[in-house]
């Protein structure tokens, strides 16, 4: 098996973990939604609403996914300034990939 090289790339920290409070459609409740990406690349989304409990996905998860920043230095042209994500201003993290 050939040896692999590794590279480090920057990405918005929201790509690996993000948390949101999403209001219900009736305006009376608010649901806590988490979005996580495992090292394998698998994405996991969780919400505390009944729809997510019984169906696995809900409109609150979809709304949180639409709000999440997806900036990644390998795929996006914006450059890091002052150690912050150039798109949302949040923290960045460095991840290593085998190539």
C-alpha atoms as a PDB file:
ATOM      1  CA  UNK A   1       0.000   0.000   0.000  1.00  0.00           C
ATOM      2  CA  UNK A   2       1.462   3.404  -0.929  1.00  0.00           C
ATOM      3  CA  UNK A   3       2.177   5.919   1.782  1.00  0.00           C
ATOM      4  CA  UNK A   4      -0.225   8.811   2.080  1.00  0.00           C
ATOM      5  CA  UNK A   5       0.673  12.443   2.584  1.00  0.00           C
ATOM      6  CA  UNK A   6      -1.422  14.657   4.802  1.00  0.00           C
ATOM      7  CA  UNK A   7      -2.526  18.236   4.344  1.00  0.00           C
ATOM      8  CA  UNK A   8      -4.035  20.657   6.837  1.00  0.00           C
ATOM      9  CA  UNK A   9      -6.966  22.768   5.763  1.00  0.00           C
ATOM     10  CA  UNK A  10      -9.011  25.403   7.571  1.00  0.00           C
ATOM     11  CA  UNK A  11     -12.765  25.269   7.943  1.00  0.00           C
ATOM     12  CA  UNK A  12     -15.455  27.067   9.875  1.00  0.00           C
ATOM     13  CA  UNK A  13     -15.904  25.353  13.246  1.00  0.00           C
ATOM     14  CA  UNK A  14     -19.634  25.111  12.471  1.00  0.00           C
ATOM     15  CA  UNK A  15     -18.820  22.362   9.966  1.00  0.00           C
ATOM     16  CA  UNK A  16     -17.954  19.964  12.793  1.00  0.00           C
ATOM     17  CA  UNK A  17     -20.425  21.183  15.461  1.00  0.00           C
ATOM     18  CA  UNK A  18     -23.154  23.800  15.645  1.00  0.00           C
ATOM     19  CA  UNK A  19     -26.065  24.460  18.005  1.00  0.00           C
ATOM     20  CA  UNK A  20     -29.211  26.469  17.320  1.00  0.00           C
ATOM     21  CA  UNK A  21     -32.396  27.470  19.089  1.00  0.00           C
ATOM     22  CA  UNK A  22     -35.168  27.287  16.499  1.00  0.00           C
ATOM     23  CA  UNK A  23     -38.683  28.578  17.267  1.00  0.00           C
ATOM     24  CA  UNK A  24     -41.670  26.362  16.568  1.00  0.00           C
ATOM     25  CA  UNK A  25     -44.154  27.350  13.902  1.00  0.00           C
ATOM     26  CA  UNK A  26     -46.756  28.190  16.574  1.00  0.00           C
ATOM     27  CA  UNK A  27     -44.288  30.526  18.305  1.00  0.00           C
ATOM     28  CA  UNK A  28     -44.891  28.980  21.739  1.00  0.00           C
ATOM     29  CA  UNK A  29     -41.970  26.552  21.799  1.00  0.00           C
ATOM     30  CA  UNK A  30     -38.280  26.684  20.961  1.00  0.00           C
ATOM     31  CA  UNK A  31     -36.290  23.605  19.996  1.00  0.00           C
ATOM     32  CA  UNK A  32     -32.595  22.937  20.540  1.00  0.00           C
ATOM     33  CA  UNK A  33     -30.971  21.620  17.349  1.00  0.00           C
ATOM     34  CA  UNK A  34     -27.436  20.255  17.074  1.00  0.00           C
ATOM     35  CA  UNK A  35     -25.562  19.598  13.846  1.00  0.00           C
ATOM     36  CA  UNK A  36     -22.422  17.455  14.028  1.00  0.00           C
ATOM     37  CA  UNK A  37     -20.034  16.024  11.460  1.00  0.00           C
ATOM     38  CA  UNK A  38     -18.101  12.944  12.540  1.00  0.00           C
ATOM     39  CA  UNK A  39     -14.462  12.388  11.462  1.00  0.00           C
ATOM     40  CA  UNK A  40     -15.817   9.831   8.970  1.00  0.00           C
ATOM     41  CA  UNK A  41     -17.781  12.640   7.288  1.00  0.00           C
ATOM     42  CA  UNK A  42     -21.150  11.342   8.489  1.00  0.00           C
ATOM     43  CA  UNK A  43     -23.507  14.156   9.435  1.00  0.00           C
ATOM     44  CA  UNK A  44     -25.760  13.860  12.477  1.00  0.00           C
ATOM     45  CA  UNK A  45     -28.609  16.260  13.208  1.00  0.00           C
ATOM     46  CA  UNK A  46     -30.750  16.154  16.343  1.00  0.00           C
ATOM     47  CA  UNK A  47     -33.789  18.129  17.447  1.00  0.00           C
ATOM     48  CA  UNK A  48     -35.957  17.833  20.542  1.00  0.00           C
ATOM     49  CA  UNK A  49     -39.277  18.186  18.733  1.00  0.00           C
ATOM     50  CA  UNK A  50     -41.822  15.361  18.293  1.00  0.00           C
ATOM     51  CA  UNK A  51     -41.343  15.323  14.509  1.00  0.00           C
ATOM     52  CA  UNK A  52     -37.639  14.541  14.824  1.00  0.00           C
ATOM     53  CA  UNK A  53     -38.348  11.937  17.488  1.00  0.00           C
ATOM     54  CA  UNK A  54     -40.802  10.006  15.310  1.00  0.00           C
ATOM     55  CA  UNK A  55     -39.552  10.756  11.773  1.00  0.00           C
ATOM     56  CA  UNK A  56     -35.819  11.383  12.228  1.00  0.00           C
ATOM     57  CA  UNK A  57     -35.878  14.782  10.502  1.00  0.00           C
ATOM     58  CA  UNK A  58     -37.953  17.908  10.931  1.00  0.00           C
ATOM     59  CA  UNK A  59     -38.344  21.467   9.700  1.00  0.00           C
ATOM     60  CA  UNK A  60     -36.264  22.756  12.651  1.00  0.00           C
ATOM     61  CA  UNK A  61     -33.270  20.704  11.499  1.00  0.00           C
ATOM     62  CA  UNK A  62     -33.738  21.976   7.945  1.00  0.00           C
ATOM     63  CA  UNK A  63     -33.813  25.563   9.213  1.00  0.00           C
ATOM     64  CA  UNK A  64     -30.661  25.036  11.305  1.00  0.00           C
ATOM     65  CA  UNK A  65     -28.893  23.477   8.299  1.00  0.00           C
ATOM     66  CA  UNK A  66     -29.779  26.549   6.228  1.00  0.00           C
ATOM     67  CA  UNK A  67     -28.186  28.808   8.875  1.00  0.00           C
ATOM     68  CA  UNK A  68     -24.962  26.824   9.324  1.00  0.00           C
ATOM     69  CA  UNK A  69     -21.794  28.271   7.822  1.00  0.00           C
ATOM     70  CA  UNK A  70     -20.092  25.852   5.444  1.00  0.00           C
ATOM     71  CA  UNK A  71     -16.869  27.754   4.638  1.00  0.00           C
ATOM     72  CA  UNK A  72     -13.910  25.481   3.848  1.00  0.00           C
ATOM     73  CA  UNK A  73     -10.526  26.764   2.659  1.00  0.00           C
ATOM     74  CA  UNK A  74     -10.169  23.993   0.103  1.00  0.00           C
ATOM     75  CA  UNK A  75     -13.407  24.857  -1.696  1.00  0.00           C
ATOM     76  CA  UNK A  76     -14.045  28.551  -1.019  1.00  0.00           C
ATOM     77  CA  UNK A  77     -12.010  31.555  -2.173  1.00  0.00           C
ATOM     78  CA  UNK A  78     -12.435  33.853   0.834  1.00  0.00           C
ATOM     79  CA  UNK A  79      -9.228  34.200   2.851  1.00  0.00           C
ATOM     80  CA  UNK A  80      -8.894  33.922   6.630  1.00  0.00           C
ATOM     81  CA  UNK A  81      -8.399  37.225   8.414  1.00  0.00           C
ATOM     82  CA  UNK A  82      -7.441  37.495  12.085  1.00  0.00           C
ATOM     83  CA  UNK A  83      -8.063  33.786  12.700  1.00  0.00           C
ATOM     84  CA  UNK A  84     -11.792  34.057  12.036  1.00  0.00           C
ATOM     85  CA  UNK A  85     -14.057  32.490   9.455  1.00  0.00           C
ATOM     86  CA  UNK A  86     -14.214  34.917   6.526  1.00  0.00           C
ATOM     87  CA  UNK A  87     -17.881  34.159   5.904  1.00  0.00           C
ATOM     88  CA  UNK A  88     -19.510  34.241   9.369  1.00  0.00           C
ATOM     89  CA  UNK A  89     -16.761  35.688  11.605  1.00  0.00           C
ATOM     90  CA  UNK A  90     -16.852  32.657  13.916  1.00  0.00           C
ATOM     91  CA  UNK A  91     -13.952  30.459  14.962  1.00  0.00           C
ATOM     92  CA  UNK A  92     -12.045  28.324  12.507  1.00  0.00           C
ATOM     93  CA  UNK A  93     -10.427  24.953  13.023  1.00  0.00           C
ATOM     94  CA  UNK A  94      -7.743  23.067  11.167  1.00  0.00           C
ATOM     95  CA  UNK A  95      -8.313  19.504  10.065  1.00  0.00           C
ATOM     96  CA  UNK A  96      -5.921  17.024   8.452  1.00  0.00           C
ATOM     97  CA  UNK A  97      -6.695  14.942   5.408  1.00  0.00           C
ATOM     98  CA  UNK A  98      -4.775  12.106   3.820  1.00  0.00           C
ATOM     99  CA  UNK A  99      -4.027  12.608   0.124  1.00  0.00           C
END
